[in-house]
Amino acid sequence: MNRNKNKTSLNDMIDKLLIILVILFFIGNGCTTKEKKSEECYYNQPRNCQQYLETEVKSRGSLLALDGIVVLEDWTFYLTYFDNVSKKITEKYVKVNCNCDILYFDDSKPPEMITPFN
């Protein structure tokens, strides 16, 4: 009878040890308090990308007026300029990241800006 009690307590100790090991595993591997690496940005304001947008428009054969850039949301711009190639006034939506890399350049709004009301 005494021998049966020892077996039960040994099983309980093994179960508790396994639970402690699992908890330590998750604390060590998955539940660290280190911050996630965020994207390193060269610029902190969208207006800092204006020179890059002017360069992009110039590379397409046109010149951008000083008031031809409007910041819409976050890093999305609305450009208006005279296109020397098509000889028409052109309106473009441009989305850049915080390093001023152009992610979107088109006549229509970027997909994340389209709502059922516009």
PDB file of N, CA and C in Angstrom:
ATOM      1  N   MET A   1       0.820  -1.186   0.000  1.00  0.00           N
ATOM      2  CA  MET A   1       0.000   0.000   0.000  1.00  0.00           C
ATOM      3  C   MET A   1       0.863   1.249   0.000  1.00  0.00           C
ATOM      4  N   ASN A   2       1.917   1.222   0.788  1.00  0.00           N
ATOM      5  CA  ASN A   2       2.831   2.354   0.856  1.00  0.00           C
ATOM      6  C   ASN A   2       3.526   2.535  -0.486  1.00  0.00           C
ATOM      7  N   ARG A   3       3.798   1.434  -1.140  1.00  0.00           N
ATOM      8  CA  ARG A   3       4.474   1.456  -2.431  1.00  0.00           C
ATOM      9  C   ARG A   3       3.597   2.137  -3.494  1.00  0.00           C
ATOM     10  N   ASN A   4       2.303   1.972  -3.453  1.00  0.00           N
ATOM     11  CA  ASN A   4       1.361   2.582  -4.379  1.00  0.00           C
ATOM     12  C   ASN A   4       1.354   4.103  -4.249  1.00  0.00           C
ATOM     13  N   LYS A   5       1.468   4.611  -3.033  1.00  0.00           N
ATOM     14  CA  LYS A   5       1.500   6.055  -2.799  1.00  0.00           C
ATOM     15  C   LYS A   5       2.731   6.667  -3.439  1.00  0.00           C
ATOM     16  N   ASN A   6       3.876   6.008  -3.339  1.00  0.00           N
ATOM     17  CA  ASN A   6       5.109   6.532  -3.909  1.00  0.00           C
ATOM     18  C   ASN A   6       5.010   6.618  -5.431  1.00  0.00           C
ATOM     19  N   LYS A   7       4.387   5.651  -6.060  1.00  0.00           N
ATOM     20  CA  LYS A   7       4.228   5.689  -7.512  1.00  0.00           C
ATOM     21  C   LYS A   7       3.363   6.875  -7.922  1.00  0.00           C
ATOM     22  N   THR A   8       2.294   7.089  -7.207  1.00  0.00           N
ATOM     23  CA  THR A   8       1.403   8.191  -7.537  1.00  0.00           C
ATOM     24  C   THR A   8       2.116   9.521  -7.365  1.00  0.00           C
ATOM     25  N   SER A   9       2.841   9.682  -6.321  1.00  0.00           N
ATOM     26  CA  SER A   9       3.525  10.951  -6.104  1.00  0.00           C
ATOM     27  C   SER A   9       4.646  11.144  -7.127  1.00  0.00           C
ATOM     28  N   LEU A  10       5.296  10.065  -7.566  1.00  0.00           N
ATOM     29  CA  LEU A  10       6.327  10.179  -8.593  1.00  0.00           C
ATOM     30  C   LEU A  10       5.693  10.615  -9.917  1.00  0.00           C
ATOM     31  N   ASN A  11       4.535  10.061 -10.249  1.00  0.00           N
ATOM     32  CA  ASN A  11       3.821  10.483 -11.458  1.00  0.00           C
ATOM     33  C   ASN A  11       3.407  11.948 -11.368  1.00  0.00           C
ATOM     34  N   ASP A  12       2.950  12.355 -10.200  1.00  0.00           N
ATOM     35  CA  ASP A  12       2.581  13.760 -10.017  1.00  0.00           C
ATOM     36  C   ASP A  12       3.790  14.669 -10.194  1.00  0.00           C
ATOM     37  N   MET A  13       4.926  14.252  -9.676  1.00  0.00           N
ATOM     38  CA  MET A  13       6.144  15.063  -9.802  1.00  0.00           C
ATOM     39  C   MET A  13       6.573  15.165 -11.268  1.00  0.00           C
ATOM     40  N   ILE A  14       6.470  14.075 -11.997  1.00  0.00           N
ATOM     41  CA  ILE A  14       6.836  14.088 -13.419  1.00  0.00           C
ATOM     42  C   ILE A  14       5.891  15.012 -14.192  1.00  0.00           C
ATOM     43  N   ASP A  15       4.593  14.940 -13.890  1.00  0.00           N
ATOM     44  CA  ASP A  15       3.626  15.822 -14.553  1.00  0.00           C
ATOM     45  C   ASP A  15       3.928  17.291 -14.264  1.00  0.00           C
ATOM     46  N   LYS A  16       4.211  17.594 -13.010  1.00  0.00           N
ATOM     47  CA  LYS A  16       4.529  18.981 -12.642  1.00  0.00           C
ATOM     48  C   LYS A  16       5.814  19.442 -13.314  1.00  0.00           C
ATOM     49  N   LEU A  17       6.790  18.564 -13.382  1.00  0.00           N
ATOM     50  CA  LEU A  17       8.055  18.897 -14.029  1.00  0.00           C
ATOM     51  C   LEU A  17       7.843  19.175 -15.518  1.00  0.00           C
ATOM     52  N   LEU A  18       7.018  18.366 -16.167  1.00  0.00           N
ATOM     53  CA  LEU A  18       6.723  18.590 -17.586  1.00  0.00           C
ATOM     54  C   LEU A  18       6.014  19.924 -17.805  1.00  0.00           C
ATOM     55  N   ILE A  19       5.081  20.249 -16.935  1.00  0.00           N
ATOM     56  CA  ILE A  19       4.370  21.527 -17.049  1.00  0.00           C
ATOM     57  C   ILE A  19       5.345  22.691 -16.877  1.00  0.00           C
ATOM     58  N   ILE A  20       6.232  22.585 -15.908  1.00  0.00           N
ATOM     59  CA  ILE A  20       7.230  23.639 -15.683  1.00  0.00           C
ATOM     60  C   ILE A  20       8.156  23.768 -16.889  1.00  0.00           C
ATOM     61  N   LEU A  21       8.569  22.651 -17.469  1.00  0.00           N
ATOM     62  CA  LEU A  21       9.432  22.695 -18.652  1.00  0.00           C
ATOM     63  C   LEU A  21       8.730  23.343 -19.845  1.00  0.00           C
ATOM     64  N   VAL A  22       7.460  23.034 -20.028  1.00  0.00           N
ATOM     65  CA  VAL A  22       6.704  23.646 -21.125  1.00  0.00           C
ATOM     66  C   VAL A  22       6.592  25.155 -20.916  1.00  0.00           C
ATOM     67  N   ILE A  23       6.307  25.571 -19.701  1.00  0.00           N
ATOM     68  CA  ILE A  23       6.211  27.006 -19.400  1.00  0.00           C
ATOM     69  C   ILE A  23       7.546  27.693 -19.639  1.00  0.00           C
ATOM     70  N   LEU A  24       8.632  27.084 -19.182  1.00  0.00           N
ATOM     71  CA  LEU A  24       9.957  27.666 -19.402  1.00  0.00           C
ATOM     72  C   LEU A  24      10.300  27.730 -20.887  1.00  0.00           C
ATOM     73  N   PHE A  25       9.890  26.730 -21.635  1.00  0.00           N
ATOM     74  CA  PHE A  25      10.138  26.736 -23.080  1.00  0.00           C
ATOM     75  C   PHE A  25       9.451  27.932 -23.741  1.00  0.00           C
ATOM     76  N   PHE A  26       8.173  28.159 -23.398  1.00  0.00           N
ATOM     77  CA  PHE A  26       7.451  29.280 -24.004  1.00  0.00           C
ATOM     78  C   PHE A  26       8.004  30.623 -23.550  1.00  0.00           C
ATOM     79  N   ILE A  27       8.415  30.719 -22.318  1.00  0.00           N
ATOM     80  CA  ILE A  27       9.008  31.969 -21.839  1.00  0.00           C
ATOM     81  C   ILE A  27      10.321  32.236 -22.552  1.00  0.00           C
ATOM     82  N   GLY A  28      11.111  31.206 -22.737  1.00  0.00           N
ATOM     83  CA  GLY A  28      12.411  31.377 -23.380  1.00  0.00           C
ATOM     84  C   GLY A  28      12.341  31.629 -24.866  1.00  0.00           C
ATOM     85  N   ASN A  29      11.387  31.044 -25.551  1.00  0.00           N
ATOM     86  CA  ASN A  29      11.345  31.137 -27.014  1.00  0.00           C
ATOM     87  C   ASN A  29      10.290  32.085 -27.564  1.00  0.00           C
ATOM     88  N   GLY A  30       9.106  32.037 -27.034  1.00  0.00           N
ATOM     89  CA  GLY A  30       8.031  32.768 -27.679  1.00  0.00           C
ATOM     90  C   GLY A  30       7.542  33.991 -26.956  1.00  0.00           C
ATOM     91  N   CYS A  31       7.738  34.083 -25.699  1.00  0.00           N
ATOM     92  CA  CYS A  31       7.158  35.176 -24.940  1.00  0.00           C
ATOM     93  C   CYS A  31       8.219  36.149 -24.449  1.00  0.00           C
ATOM     94  N   THR A  32       9.142  36.499 -25.298  1.00  0.00           N
ATOM     95  CA  THR A  32      10.162  37.455 -24.887  1.00  0.00           C
ATOM     96  C   THR A  32       9.591  38.857 -24.961  1.00  0.00           C
ATOM     97  N   THR A  33      10.165  39.761 -24.198  1.00  0.00           N
ATOM     98  CA  THR A  33       9.681  41.136 -24.173  1.00  0.00           C
ATOM     99  C   THR A  33      10.456  42.030 -25.124  1.00  0.00           C
ATOM    100  N   LYS A  34      11.290  41.443 -25.962  1.00  0.00           N
ATOM    101  CA  LYS A  34      12.022  42.246 -26.933  1.00  0.00           C
ATOM    102  C   LYS A  34      11.043  42.832 -27.938  1.00  0.00           C
ATOM    103  N   GLU A  35      11.298  44.073 -28.326  1.00  0.00           N
ATOM    104  CA  GLU A  35      10.433  44.715 -29.313  1.00  0.00           C
ATOM    105  C   GLU A  35      10.724  44.154 -30.693  1.00  0.00           C
ATOM    106  N   LYS A  36       9.693  44.108 -31.510  1.00  0.00           N
ATOM    107  CA  LYS A  36       9.885  43.650 -32.875  1.00  0.00           C
ATOM    108  C   LYS A  36      10.721  44.677 -33.619  1.00  0.00           C
ATOM    109  N   LYS A  37      11.509  44.172 -34.545  1.00  0.00           N
ATOM    110  CA  LYS A  37      12.312  45.078 -35.350  1.00  0.00           C
ATOM    111  C   LYS A  37      11.394  45.820 -36.301  1.00  0.00           C
ATOM    112  N   SER A  38      11.353  47.113 -36.170  1.00  0.00           N
ATOM    113  CA  SER A  38      10.526  47.886 -37.084  1.00  0.00           C
ATOM    114  C   SER A  38      11.366  48.336 -38.268  1.00  0.00           C
ATOM    115  N   GLU A  39      10.682  48.707 -39.318  1.00  0.00           N
ATOM    116  CA  GLU A  39      11.368  49.141 -40.524  1.00  0.00           C
ATOM    117  C   GLU A  39      12.156  50.410 -40.218  1.00  0.00           C
ATOM    118  N   GLU A  40      13.406  50.419 -40.613  1.00  0.00           N
ATOM    119  CA  GLU A  40      14.217  51.604 -40.400  1.00  0.00           C
ATOM    120  C   GLU A  40      13.848  52.630 -41.449  1.00  0.00           C
ATOM    121  N   CYS A  41      13.500  53.815 -40.987  1.00  0.00           N
ATOM    122  CA  CYS A  41      13.042  54.867 -41.881  1.00  0.00           C
ATOM    123  C   CYS A  41      14.078  55.981 -41.961  1.00  0.00           C
ATOM    124  N   TYR A  42      14.250  56.494 -43.175  1.00  0.00           N
ATOM    125  CA  TYR A  42      15.130  57.644 -43.354  1.00  0.00           C
ATOM    126  C   TYR A  42      14.395  58.938 -43.046  1.00  0.00           C
ATOM    127  N   TYR A  43      13.097  58.953 -43.262  1.00  0.00           N
ATOM    128  CA  TYR A  43      12.316  60.175 -43.102  1.00  0.00           C
ATOM    129  C   TYR A  43      11.149  59.929 -42.163  1.00  0.00           C
ATOM    130  N   ASN A  44      10.730  60.983 -41.459  1.00  0.00           N
ATOM    131  CA  ASN A  44       9.620  60.826 -40.532  1.00  0.00           C
ATOM    132  C   ASN A  44       8.397  61.630 -40.945  1.00  0.00           C
ATOM    133  N   GLN A  45       8.499  62.440 -42.015  1.00  0.00           N
ATOM    134  CA  GLN A  45       7.361  63.201 -42.510  1.00  0.00           C
ATOM    135  C   GLN A  45       7.228  63.002 -44.016  1.00  0.00           C
ATOM    136  N   PRO A  46       6.009  62.878 -44.503  1.00  0.00           N
ATOM    137  CA  PRO A  46       5.814  62.664 -45.939  1.00  0.00           C
ATOM    138  C   PRO A  46       6.370  63.793 -46.807  1.00  0.00           C
ATOM    139  N   ARG A  47       6.331  65.017 -46.324  1.00  0.00           N
ATOM    140  CA  ARG A  47       6.819  66.159 -47.113  1.00  0.00           C
ATOM    141  C   ARG A  47       8.301  66.030 -47.461  1.00  0.00           C
ATOM    142  N   ASN A  48       9.038  65.248 -46.714  1.00  0.00           N
ATOM    143  CA  ASN A  48      10.461  65.059 -47.012  1.00  0.00           C
ATOM    144  C   ASN A  48      10.677  64.319 -48.328  1.00  0.00           C
ATOM    145  N   CYS A  49       9.650  63.677 -48.841  1.00  0.00           N
ATOM    146  CA  CYS A  49       9.765  62.914 -50.092  1.00  0.00           C
ATOM    147  C   CYS A  49       9.460  63.751 -51.330  1.00  0.00           C
ATOM    148  N   GLN A  50       9.184  65.021 -51.153  1.00  0.00           N
ATOM    149  CA  GLN A  50       8.781  65.860 -52.276  1.00  0.00           C
ATOM    150  C   GLN A  50       9.831  65.884 -53.383  1.00  0.00           C
ATOM    151  N   GLN A  51      11.096  65.975 -53.026  1.00  0.00           N
ATOM    152  CA  GLN A  51      12.143  66.022 -54.054  1.00  0.00           C
ATOM    153  C   GLN A  51      12.195  64.732 -54.871  1.00  0.00           C
ATOM    154  N   TYR A  52      11.897  63.601 -54.242  1.00  0.00           N
ATOM    155  CA  TYR A  52      11.891  62.328 -54.965  1.00  0.00           C
ATOM    156  C   TYR A  52      10.716  62.254 -55.943  1.00  0.00           C
ATOM    157  N   LEU A  53       9.583  62.817 -55.534  1.00  0.00           N
ATOM    158  CA  LEU A  53       8.429  62.842 -56.428  1.00  0.00           C
ATOM    159  C   LEU A  53       8.689  63.759 -57.617  1.00  0.00           C
ATOM    160  N   GLU A  54       9.328  64.893 -57.364  1.00  0.00           N
ATOM    161  CA  GLU A  54       9.680  65.805 -58.458  1.00  0.00           C
ATOM    162  C   GLU A  54      10.626  65.121 -59.441  1.00  0.00           C
ATOM    163  N   THR A  55      11.578  64.367 -58.911  1.00  0.00           N
ATOM    164  CA  THR A  55      12.517  63.638 -59.767  1.00  0.00           C
ATOM    165  C   THR A  55      11.798  62.583 -60.605  1.00  0.00           C
ATOM    166  N   GLU A  56      10.838  61.889 -60.003  1.00  0.00           N
ATOM    167  CA  GLU A  56      10.079  60.864 -60.727  1.00  0.00           C
ATOM    168  C   GLU A  56       9.270  61.480 -61.865  1.00  0.00           C
ATOM    169  N   VAL A  57       8.607  62.600 -61.597  1.00  0.00           N
ATOM    170  CA  VAL A  57       7.817  63.264 -62.637  1.00  0.00           C
ATOM    171  C   VAL A  57       8.737  63.779 -63.739  1.00  0.00           C
ATOM    172  N   LYS A  58       9.882  64.312 -63.347  1.00  0.00           N
ATOM    173  CA  LYS A  58      10.849  64.821 -64.328  1.00  0.00           C
ATOM    174  C   LYS A  58      11.369  63.684 -65.212  1.00  0.00           C
ATOM    175  N   SER A  59      11.567  62.507 -64.633  1.00  0.00           N
ATOM    176  CA  SER A  59      12.047  61.366 -65.418  1.00  0.00           C
ATOM    177  C   SER A  59      10.999  60.902 -66.435  1.00  0.00           C
ATOM    178  N   ARG A  60       9.748  61.279 -66.216  1.00  0.00           N
ATOM    179  CA  ARG A  60       8.673  60.943 -67.153  1.00  0.00           C
ATOM    180  C   ARG A  60       8.465  62.042 -68.195  1.00  0.00           C
ATOM    181  N   GLY A  61       9.356  63.041 -68.208  1.00  0.00           N
ATOM    182  CA  GLY A  61       9.319  64.073 -69.234  1.00  0.00           C
ATOM    183  C   GLY A  61       8.478  65.281 -68.898  1.00  0.00           C
ATOM    184  N   SER A  62       8.210  65.552 -67.627  1.00  0.00           N
ATOM    185  CA  SER A  62       7.370  66.680 -67.236  1.00  0.00           C
ATOM    186  C   SER A  62       7.987  67.398 -66.047  1.00  0.00           C
ATOM    187  N   LEU A  63       7.415  68.550 -65.728  1.00  0.00           N
ATOM    188  CA  LEU A  63       7.846  69.300 -64.552  1.00  0.00           C
ATOM    189  C   LEU A  63       6.669  69.456 -63.611  1.00  0.00           C
ATOM    190  N   LEU A  64       6.945  69.324 -62.337  1.00  0.00           N
ATOM    191  CA  LEU A  64       5.914  69.419 -61.315  1.00  0.00           C
ATOM    192  C   LEU A  64       5.901  70.837 -60.763  1.00  0.00           C
ATOM    193  N   ALA A  65       4.729  71.463 -60.721  1.00  0.00           N
ATOM    194  CA  ALA A  65       4.609  72.804 -60.152  1.00  0.00           C
ATOM    195  C   ALA A  65       4.817  72.746 -58.643  1.00  0.00           C
ATOM    196  N   LEU A  66       5.161  73.888 -58.047  1.00  0.00           N
ATOM    197  CA  LEU A  66       5.411  73.922 -56.602  1.00  0.00           C
ATOM    198  C   LEU A  66       4.185  73.516 -55.796  1.00  0.00           C
ATOM    199  N   ASP A  67       3.004  73.888 -56.275  1.00  0.00           N
ATOM    200  CA  ASP A  67       1.781  73.529 -55.548  1.00  0.00           C
ATOM    201  C   ASP A  67       1.101  72.297 -56.148  1.00  0.00           C
ATOM    202  N   GLY A  68       1.839  71.497 -56.888  1.00  0.00           N
ATOM    203  CA  GLY A  68       1.276  70.324 -57.544  1.00  0.00           C
ATOM    204  C   GLY A  68       1.264  69.072 -56.696  1.00  0.00           C
ATOM    205  N   ILE A  69       1.743  69.174 -55.454  1.00  0.00           N
ATOM    206  CA  ILE A  69       1.778  68.004 -54.569  1.00  0.00           C
ATOM    207  C   ILE A  69       0.869  68.257 -53.372  1.00  0.00           C
ATOM    208  N   VAL A  70      -0.061  67.338 -53.142  1.00  0.00           N
ATOM    209  CA  VAL A  70      -0.945  67.421 -51.979  1.00  0.00           C
ATOM    210  C   VAL A  70      -0.809  66.115 -51.205  1.00  0.00           C
ATOM    211  N   VAL A  71      -0.532  66.220 -49.905  1.00  0.00           N
ATOM    212  CA  VAL A  71      -0.460  65.026 -49.054  1.00  0.00           C
ATOM    213  C   VAL A  71      -1.883  64.653 -48.652  1.00  0.00           C
ATOM    214  N   LEU A  72      -2.285  63.420 -48.951  1.00  0.00           N
ATOM    215  CA  LEU A  72      -3.640  62.974 -48.630  1.00  0.00           C
ATOM    216  C   LEU A  72      -3.699  62.285 -47.274  1.00  0.00           C
ATOM    217  N   GLU A  73      -3.186  61.095 -47.190  1.00  0.00           N
ATOM    218  CA  GLU A  73      -3.168  60.314 -45.948  1.00  0.00           C
ATOM    219  C   GLU A  73      -1.803  59.685 -45.805  1.00  0.00           C
ATOM    220  N   ASP A  74      -1.276  59.755 -44.620  1.00  0.00           N
ATOM    221  CA  ASP A  74       0.006  59.128 -44.312  1.00  0.00           C
ATOM    222  C   ASP A  74       1.037  59.448 -45.391  1.00  0.00           C
ATOM    223  N   TRP A  75       1.384  58.489 -46.174  1.00  0.00           N
ATOM    224  CA  TRP A  75       2.437  58.643 -47.179  1.00  0.00           C
ATOM    225  C   TRP A  75       1.857  58.564 -48.590  1.00  0.00           C
ATOM    226  N   THR A  76       0.620  59.022 -48.756  1.00  0.00           N
ATOM    227  CA  THR A  76      -0.036  59.033 -50.057  1.00  0.00           C
ATOM    228  C   THR A  76      -0.166  60.474 -50.539  1.00  0.00           C
ATOM    229  N   PHE A  77       0.178  60.695 -51.805  1.00  0.00           N
ATOM    230  CA  PHE A  77       0.166  62.034 -52.386  1.00  0.00           C
ATOM    231  C   PHE A  77      -0.762  62.074 -53.589  1.00  0.00           C
ATOM    232  N   TYR A  78      -1.239  63.279 -53.879  1.00  0.00           N
ATOM    233  CA  TYR A  78      -2.003  63.541 -55.090  1.00  0.00           C
ATOM    234  C   TYR A  78      -1.196  64.555 -55.891  1.00  0.00           C
ATOM    235  N   LEU A  79      -0.787  64.185 -57.104  1.00  0.00           N
ATOM    236  CA  LEU A  79       0.039  65.049 -57.942  1.00  0.00           C
ATOM    237  C   LEU A  79      -0.781  65.580 -59.108  1.00  0.00           C
ATOM    238  N   THR A  80      -0.562  66.848 -59.428  1.00  0.00           N
ATOM    239  CA  THR A  80      -1.152  67.453 -60.611  1.00  0.00           C
ATOM    240  C   THR A  80      -0.035  68.156 -61.363  1.00  0.00           C
ATOM    241  N   TYR A  81       0.135  67.803 -62.629  1.00  0.00           N
ATOM    242  CA  TYR A  81       1.191  68.426 -63.428  1.00  0.00           C
ATOM    243  C   TYR A  81       0.839  68.349 -64.907  1.00  0.00           C
ATOM    244  N   PHE A  82       1.508  69.181 -65.704  1.00  0.00           N
ATOM    245  CA  PHE A  82       1.306  69.160 -67.152  1.00  0.00           C
ATOM    246  C   PHE A  82       2.268  68.151 -67.743  1.00  0.00           C
ATOM    247  N   ASP A  83       1.697  67.138 -68.376  1.00  0.00           N
ATOM    248  CA  ASP A  83       2.499  66.079 -68.980  1.00  0.00           C
ATOM    249  C   ASP A  83       2.941  66.530 -70.369  1.00  0.00           C
ATOM    250  N   ASN A  84       4.235  66.724 -70.547  1.00  0.00           N
ATOM    251  CA  ASN A  84       4.774  67.190 -71.825  1.00  0.00           C
ATOM    252  C   ASN A  84       4.681  66.136 -72.920  1.00  0.00           C
ATOM    253  N   VAL A  85       4.560  64.887 -72.556  1.00  0.00           N
ATOM    254  CA  VAL A  85       4.476  63.812 -73.546  1.00  0.00           C
ATOM    255  C   VAL A  85       3.073  63.758 -74.156  1.00  0.00           C
ATOM    256  N   SER A  86       2.049  63.724 -73.297  1.00  0.00           N
ATOM    257  CA  SER A  86       0.669  63.636 -73.794  1.00  0.00           C
ATOM    258  C   SER A  86       0.040  65.006 -74.016  1.00  0.00           C
ATOM    259  N   LYS A  87       0.717  66.072 -73.599  1.00  0.00           N
ATOM    260  CA  LYS A  87       0.230  67.456 -73.740  1.00  0.00           C
ATOM    261  C   LYS A  87      -1.105  67.657 -73.029  1.00  0.00           C
ATOM    262  N   LYS A  88      -1.245  67.056 -71.861  1.00  0.00           N
ATOM    263  CA  LYS A  88      -2.459  67.177 -71.057  1.00  0.00           C
ATOM    264  C   LYS A  88      -2.086  67.365 -69.593  1.00  0.00           C
ATOM    265  N   ILE A  89      -3.033  67.891 -68.833  1.00  0.00           N
ATOM    266  CA  ILE A  89      -2.847  67.963 -67.386  1.00  0.00           C
ATOM    267  C   ILE A  89      -3.077  66.563 -66.832  1.00  0.00           C
ATOM    268  N   THR A  90      -2.140  66.103 -66.037  1.00  0.00           N
ATOM    269  CA  THR A  90      -2.179  64.744 -65.511  1.00  0.00           C
ATOM    270  C   THR A  90      -2.373  64.779 -63.998  1.00  0.00           C
ATOM    271  N   GLU A  91      -3.199  63.884 -63.511  1.00  0.00           N
ATOM    272  CA  GLU A  91      -3.427  63.734 -62.073  1.00  0.00           C
ATOM    273  C   GLU A  91      -3.047  62.313 -61.686  1.00  0.00           C
ATOM    274  N   LYS A  92      -2.182  62.192 -60.710  1.00  0.00           N
ATOM    275  CA  LYS A  92      -1.696  60.870 -60.279  1.00  0.00           C
ATOM    276  C   LYS A  92      -1.790  60.747 -58.763  1.00  0.00           C
ATOM    277  N   TYR A  93      -2.009  59.522 -58.323  1.00  0.00           N
ATOM    278  CA  TYR A  93      -1.901  59.177 -56.906  1.00  0.00           C
ATOM    279  C   TYR A  93      -0.586  58.436 -56.726  1.00  0.00           C
ATOM    280  N   VAL A  94       0.147  58.829 -55.706  1.00  0.00           N
ATOM    281  CA  VAL A  94       1.448  58.217 -55.453  1.00  0.00           C
ATOM    282  C   VAL A  94       1.505  57.809 -53.991  1.00  0.00           C
ATOM    283  N   LYS A  95       1.932  56.581 -53.756  1.00  0.00           N
ATOM    284  CA  LYS A  95       2.142  56.100 -52.383  1.00  0.00           C
ATOM    285  C   LYS A  95       3.604  55.730 -52.243  1.00  0.00           C
ATOM    286  N   VAL A  96       4.227  56.240 -51.179  1.00  0.00           N
ATOM    287  CA  VAL A  96       5.632  55.950 -50.907  1.00  0.00           C
ATOM    288  C   VAL A  96       5.756  55.391 -49.496  1.00  0.00           C
ATOM    289  N   ASN A  97       6.879  54.742 -49.231  1.00  0.00           N
ATOM    290  CA  ASN A  97       7.143  54.303 -47.862  1.00  0.00           C
ATOM    291  C   ASN A  97       8.000  55.359 -47.172  1.00  0.00           C
ATOM    292  N   CYS A  98       8.400  55.109 -45.947  1.00  0.00           N
ATOM    293  CA  CYS A  98       9.132  56.115 -45.181  1.00  0.00           C
ATOM    294  C   CYS A  98      10.578  56.278 -45.645  1.00  0.00           C
ATOM    295  N   ASN A  99      10.982  55.512 -46.629  1.00  0.00           N
ATOM    296  CA  ASN A  99      12.296  55.705 -47.255  1.00  0.00           C
ATOM    297  C   ASN A  99      12.149  56.371 -48.617  1.00  0.00           C
ATOM    298  N   CYS A 100      10.945  56.845 -48.912  1.00  0.00           N
ATOM    299  CA  CYS A 100      10.604  57.532 -50.164  1.00  0.00           C
ATOM    300  C   CYS A 100      10.709  56.624 -51.383  1.00  0.00           C
ATOM    301  N   ASP A 101      10.597  55.326 -51.195  1.00  0.00           N
ATOM    302  CA  ASP A 101      10.515  54.401 -52.323  1.00  0.00           C
ATOM    303  C   ASP A 101       9.075  54.412 -52.825  1.00  0.00           C
ATOM    304  N   ILE A 102       8.891  54.571 -54.118  1.00  0.00           N
ATOM    305  CA  ILE A 102       7.550  54.648 -54.689  1.00  0.00           C
ATOM    306  C   ILE A 102       6.944  53.246 -54.739  1.00  0.00           C
ATOM    307  N   LEU A 103       5.794  53.102 -54.082  1.00  0.00           N
ATOM    308  CA  LEU A 103       5.091  51.824 -54.027  1.00  0.00           C
ATOM    309  C   LEU A 103       3.917  51.784 -55.001  1.00  0.00           C
ATOM    310  N   TYR A 104       3.357  52.955 -55.297  1.00  0.00           N
ATOM    311  CA  TYR A 104       2.166  53.034 -56.143  1.00  0.00           C
ATOM    312  C   TYR A 104       2.219  54.341 -56.921  1.00  0.00           C
ATOM    313  N   PHE A 105       1.970  54.302 -58.222  1.00  0.00           N
ATOM    314  CA  PHE A 105       1.961  55.499 -59.068  1.00  0.00           C
ATOM    315  C   PHE A 105       0.938  55.250 -60.165  1.00  0.00           C
ATOM    316  N   ASP A 106      -0.279  55.819 -60.004  1.00  0.00           N
ATOM    317  CA  ASP A 106      -1.344  55.513 -60.958  1.00  0.00           C
ATOM    318  C   ASP A 106      -2.381  56.630 -60.966  1.00  0.00           C
ATOM    319  N   ASP A 107      -3.283  56.572 -61.967  1.00  0.00           N
ATOM    320  CA  ASP A 107      -4.355  57.562 -62.093  1.00  0.00           C
ATOM    321  C   ASP A 107      -5.447  57.361 -61.048  1.00  0.00           C
ATOM    322  N   SER A 108      -5.658  56.144 -60.621  1.00  0.00           N
ATOM    323  CA  SER A 108      -6.729  55.852 -59.672  1.00  0.00           C
ATOM    324  C   SER A 108      -6.195  55.830 -58.247  1.00  0.00           C
ATOM    325  N   LYS A 109      -7.125  55.917 -57.302  1.00  0.00           N
ATOM    326  CA  LYS A 109      -6.741  55.901 -55.890  1.00  0.00           C
ATOM    327  C   LYS A 109      -6.144  54.550 -55.521  1.00  0.00           C
ATOM    328  N   PRO A 110      -5.215  54.551 -54.576  1.00  0.00           N
ATOM    329  CA  PRO A 110      -4.700  53.261 -54.091  1.00  0.00           C
ATOM    330  C   PRO A 110      -5.834  52.439 -53.471  1.00  0.00           C
ATOM    331  N   PRO A 111      -5.757  51.131 -53.548  1.00  0.00           N
ATOM    332  CA  PRO A 111      -6.847  50.272 -53.055  1.00  0.00           C
ATOM    333  C   PRO A 111      -7.246  50.539 -51.604  1.00  0.00           C
ATOM    334  N   GLU A 112      -6.304  50.890 -50.743  1.00  0.00           N
ATOM    335  CA  GLU A 112      -6.648  51.093 -49.336  1.00  0.00           C
ATOM    336  C   GLU A 112      -7.402  52.398 -49.103  1.00  0.00           C
ATOM    337  N   MET A 113      -7.439  53.296 -50.097  1.00  0.00           N
ATOM    338  CA  MET A 113      -8.152  54.562 -49.948  1.00  0.00           C
ATOM    339  C   MET A 113      -9.561  54.513 -50.523  1.00  0.00           C
ATOM    340  N   ILE A 114      -9.896  53.470 -51.248  1.00  0.00           N
ATOM    341  CA  ILE A 114     -11.205  53.374 -51.890  1.00  0.00           C
ATOM    342  C   ILE A 114     -12.238  52.923 -50.866  1.00  0.00           C
ATOM    343  N   THR A 115     -13.316  53.684 -50.772  1.00  0.00           N
ATOM    344  CA  THR A 115     -14.414  53.345 -49.868  1.00  0.00           C
ATOM    345  C   THR A 115     -15.689  53.222 -50.694  1.00  0.00           C
ATOM    346  N   PRO A 116     -16.753  52.679 -50.141  1.00  0.00           N
ATOM    347  CA  PRO A 116     -18.005  52.564 -50.899  1.00  0.00           C
ATOM    348  C   PRO A 116     -18.606  53.922 -51.273  1.00  0.00           C
ATOM    349  N   PHE A 117     -18.165  54.997 -50.610  1.00  0.00           N
ATOM    350  CA  PHE A 117     -18.768  56.308 -50.827  1.00  0.00           C
ATOM    351  C   PHE A 117     -18.045  57.154 -51.861  1.00  0.00           C
ATOM    352  N   ASN A 118     -16.906  56.680 -52.408  1.00  0.00           N
ATOM    353  CA  ASN A 118     -16.223  57.501 -53.424  1.00  0.00           C
ATOM    354  C   ASN A 118     -15.870  56.710 -54.641  1.00  0.00           C
TER     355      ASN A 118
END
